[in-house]
Protein backbone atom coordinates (compact mmCIF):
# COMPACT_ATOMS: atom_id res chain seq x y z
CA MET A 1 0.00 0.00 0.00
CA PRO A 2 1.55 3.35 -1.02
CA TYR A 3 1.05 6.71 0.68
CA PRO A 4 -2.50 8.11 0.35
CA THR A 5 -3.41 10.52 -2.44
CA ALA A 6 -5.67 13.55 -2.84
CA GLU A 7 -8.47 11.18 -3.79
CA HIS A 8 -8.05 9.25 -0.53
CA LEU A 9 -8.14 12.49 1.46
CA SER A 10 -11.33 13.59 -0.29
CA GLY A 11 -12.95 10.27 0.61
CA TYR A 12 -11.67 10.50 4.19
CA LEU A 13 -13.19 13.97 4.66
CA ARG A 14 -16.47 12.99 2.96
CA ASN A 15 -18.75 16.09 3.06
CA ALA A 16 -15.88 18.52 2.73
CA GLU A 17 -15.81 21.90 1.03
CA ASP A 18 -14.26 21.78 -2.42
CA PHE A 19 -10.50 22.17 -2.50
CA ALA A 20 -7.94 21.88 -5.26
CA PRO A 21 -6.14 18.51 -5.57
CA SER A 22 -2.85 20.44 -5.47
CA LEU A 23 -3.72 21.60 -1.95
CA ALA A 24 -4.47 18.04 -0.85
CA GLU A 25 -1.19 16.80 -2.31
CA MET A 26 0.69 19.55 -0.47
CA TRP A 27 -1.01 18.63 2.83
CA ILE A 28 -0.17 14.95 2.33
CA ARG A 29 3.49 15.68 1.48
CA ALA A 30 3.75 17.81 4.62
CA ALA A 31 2.20 15.00 6.67
CA VAL A 32 4.65 12.41 5.32
CA SER A 33 7.63 14.71 5.94
CA GLU A 34 6.59 15.41 9.53
CA PHE A 35 5.87 11.73 10.18
CA GLU A 36 9.33 10.69 8.95
CA THR A 37 11.00 13.48 10.92
CA LYS A 38 9.23 12.68 14.18
CA THR A 39 9.56 8.89 13.91
CA ARG A 40 13.20 9.24 12.75
CA TRP A 41 12.64 6.86 9.83
CA ARG A 42 13.85 8.31 6.52
CA PRO A 43 12.46 6.82 4.48
CA PHE A 44 9.64 5.17 6.39
CA LEU A 45 7.99 3.64 3.34
CA GLN A 46 10.40 2.28 0.73
CA GLU A 47 8.57 2.70 -2.56
CA GLU A 48 11.52 1.93 -4.85
CA THR A 49 11.92 -1.64 -6.05
CA GLU A 50 15.59 -1.30 -7.02
CA ASP A 51 18.50 -1.64 -4.61
CA GLU A 52 20.52 1.43 -3.67
CA VAL A 53 24.05 1.80 -2.37
CA ARG A 54 24.83 3.66 0.84
CA SER A 55 28.15 4.27 2.59
CA PHE A 56 28.66 4.42 6.34
CA ASP A 57 31.59 5.20 8.61
CA ALA A 58 33.03 2.14 10.30
CA PRO A 59 31.88 1.68 13.91
CA CYS A 60 33.99 1.75 17.01
CA GLY A 61 33.79 -1.91 17.92
CA SER A 62 32.09 -4.67 15.97
CA THR A 63 28.49 -3.41 15.58
CA LEU A 64 27.30 -0.81 13.09
CA TYR A 65 24.06 1.06 13.76
CA PRO A 66 23.45 2.74 10.39
CA GLY A 67 20.61 4.98 11.59
CA VAL A 68 18.30 3.65 8.88
CA GLY A 69 16.24 0.50 8.64
CA LEU A 70 17.73 -2.39 6.68
CA LEU A 71 14.90 -4.09 4.79
CA SER A 72 17.24 -6.26 2.74
CA VAL A 73 20.99 -6.45 2.14
CA THR A 74 22.18 -7.69 -1.23
CA SER A 75 25.87 -7.09 -0.59
CA LEU A 76 28.17 -5.51 1.96
CA SER A 77 31.83 -4.57 1.76
CA VAL A 78 34.40 -2.90 3.97
CA GLY A 79 36.64 -0.84 1.75
CA ASP A 80 37.48 -3.19 -1.13
CA THR A 81 36.72 -6.34 0.88
CA PRO A 82 33.32 -7.98 0.19
CA LEU A 83 31.85 -9.85 3.14
CA THR A 84 29.48 -12.81 3.23
CA VAL A 85 26.34 -12.69 5.34
CA ASN A 86 26.37 -15.04 8.35
CA GLU A 87 30.14 -15.41 7.96
CA GLY A 88 31.69 -11.96 7.78
CA PHE A 89 28.67 -10.15 9.19
CA TRP A 90 25.21 -10.72 10.66
CA LEU A 91 22.05 -8.61 10.58
CA ARG A 92 20.87 -7.87 14.11
CA HIS A 93 18.02 -6.31 16.12
CA LYS A 94 15.09 -6.95 13.82
CA ILE A 95 11.79 -5.21 14.51
CA ALA A 96 8.80 -7.54 14.20
CA ASP A 97 7.34 -6.98 10.72
CA GLY A 98 10.01 -4.34 10.22
CA PRO A 99 13.69 -3.87 9.36
CA TRP A 100 16.97 -4.85 10.96
CA LEU A 101 18.64 -2.05 12.87
CA ALA A 102 22.26 -3.18 13.10
CA VAL A 103 25.11 -5.06 11.44
CA GLU A 104 27.50 -7.12 13.57
CA PHE A 105 30.90 -7.90 12.05
CA ALA A 106 33.03 -10.96 12.68
CA THR A 107 36.06 -8.68 12.95
CA GLY A 108 35.62 -5.26 14.47
CA TRP A 109 37.48 -2.00 14.75
CA SER A 110 39.72 -0.88 17.59
CA TYR A 111 40.75 2.77 17.87
CA GLY A 112 39.67 3.29 14.26
CA VAL A 113 41.70 0.39 12.89
CA GLY A 114 39.89 -2.42 11.11
CA PHE A 115 41.86 -5.63 11.43
CA GLY A 116 41.82 -8.02 8.49
CA TYR A 117 40.34 -5.55 6.00
CA GLY A 118 41.94 -4.03 2.94
CA PRO A 119 42.53 -0.38 2.04
CA ASP A 120 39.83 2.15 2.92
CA TYR A 121 38.74 -0.04 5.83
CA ARG A 122 36.91 2.87 7.46
CA LYS A 123 34.13 2.80 4.87
CA VAL A 124 31.27 0.29 5.02
CA GLU A 125 29.26 0.07 1.81
CA ILE A 126 25.83 -1.59 1.83
CA THR A 127 23.74 -2.43 -1.22
CA GLY A 128 20.09 -3.14 -0.47
CA ARG A 129 16.77 -1.56 0.40
CA PHE A 130 16.41 0.88 3.26
CA GLY A 131 13.44 2.09 5.30
CA TYR A 132 10.86 0.72 7.71
CA CYS A 133 8.47 -1.07 5.35
CA THR A 134 7.48 -1.65 1.73
CA GLU A 135 3.73 -1.68 2.46
CA LEU A 136 2.21 1.18 4.44
CA PRO A 137 0.54 -0.04 7.67
CA PRO A 138 -3.16 0.94 7.95
CA ASP A 139 -2.59 2.97 11.12
CA VAL A 140 0.14 5.02 9.39
CA GLU A 141 -2.19 5.69 6.46
CA LEU A 142 -4.75 6.92 9.00
CA ALA A 143 -2.10 9.13 10.63
CA ILE A 144 -1.15 10.74 7.30
CA LEU A 145 -4.80 11.36 6.40
CA SER A 146 -5.47 12.75 9.89
CA HIS A 147 -2.55 15.19 9.61
CA ALA A 148 -3.74 16.30 6.17
CA ALA A 149 -7.28 16.63 7.52
CA ALA A 150 -6.00 18.90 10.31
CA ALA A 151 -4.45 21.11 7.61
CA TYR A 152 -7.76 21.10 5.78
CA TYR A 153 -9.64 22.21 8.91
CA GLN A 154 -7.08 24.96 9.46
CA TRP A 155 -7.64 26.03 5.85
CA LEU A 156 -11.38 26.22 6.54
CA ASP A 157 -10.78 28.08 9.79
CA SER A 158 -8.73 30.71 7.98
CA GLY A 159 -11.62 31.44 5.64
CA SER A 160 -9.70 30.30 2.57
CA ALA A 161 -12.58 28.07 1.60
CA GLY A 162 -15.00 30.98 1.54
CA ALA A 163 -17.99 28.97 2.78
CA ILE A 164 -17.01 29.08 6.44
CA LYS A 165 -17.28 32.88 6.51
CA ARG A 166 -20.70 33.24 4.85
CA GLU A 167 -23.23 35.09 6.97
CA LYS A 168 -26.46 33.89 5.39
CA ALA A 169 -26.93 31.32 8.17
CA GLY A 170 -26.48 33.95 10.91
CA PRO A 171 -23.54 34.77 13.21
CA VAL A 172 -24.26 32.01 15.73
CA GLU A 173 -24.04 29.27 13.15
CA VAL A 174 -20.90 30.75 11.61
CA GLU A 175 -19.17 30.85 15.01
CA PHE A 176 -20.18 27.26 15.70
CA ALA A 177 -18.79 26.11 12.36
CA VAL A 178 -15.41 27.71 13.10
CA GLU A 179 -15.20 26.09 16.54
CA ALA A 180 -16.23 22.71 15.08
CA GLY A 181 -13.38 22.97 12.59
CA ARG A 182 -10.92 23.69 15.39
CA ASP A 183 -12.16 20.72 17.43
CA ARG A 184 -11.92 18.33 14.48
CA GLY A 185 -8.45 19.61 13.68
CA SER A 186 -7.33 19.01 17.26
CA MET A 187 -8.71 15.46 17.21
CA ALA A 188 -7.00 14.77 13.88
CA ARG A 189 -3.64 15.95 15.25
CA LYS A 190 -4.04 13.72 18.30
CA THR A 191 -4.57 10.69 16.05
CA PHE A 192 -1.39 11.59 14.16
CA ASP A 193 0.66 12.09 17.33
CA ASP A 194 -0.52 8.76 18.80
CA VAL A 195 0.71 6.85 15.73
CA VAL A 196 4.01 8.76 15.70
CA ARG A 197 4.69 7.60 19.27
CA ARG A 198 3.96 4.01 18.23
CA TYR A 199 6.61 4.02 15.48
CA ARG A 200 9.27 6.38 16.85
CA ARG A 201 12.78 4.95 16.51
CA HIS A 202 14.79 5.01 19.71
CA SER A 203 18.19 3.81 18.50
């Protein structure tokens, strides 16, 4: 499941005032960016199907914490020395239904020196897929839509939609509509924050 779209947001809001799809896409992008920043997973959802190559500084000791989820590792090398999984290194600390968080090496580093490796032994190069997941969990989809919905309610509250400021229904009803938008926006943000706490990375 990929990230939600403007169409998903429109369906989520149901009887919403009309808004341009470009606005919805902007709200969703902002929601994804904030979710990844607050959970410390960049990326959270890995949408690419091809492997990528990333380089990391060698650890002090025998365990590398790359600061990104390891969904799969096709190859790993230290400098010019390729290593074999479950011989030269092991993937460690797997999250249930999620990525590995660490790489443990058979031979580690001491005071910056990597014993048994070739030139450029301070660089660890990993080819694979990085992130938290390849299919978006339903609760994260809800969090993204909730965050975007909060932006929508703020947009209404500001009067950008036009309809919220009409006076034909009388001042009491207009004031109620504004307060309702604020309440719904607050509830939507709480839903988002609850899911962020559930997925926040602590290592």
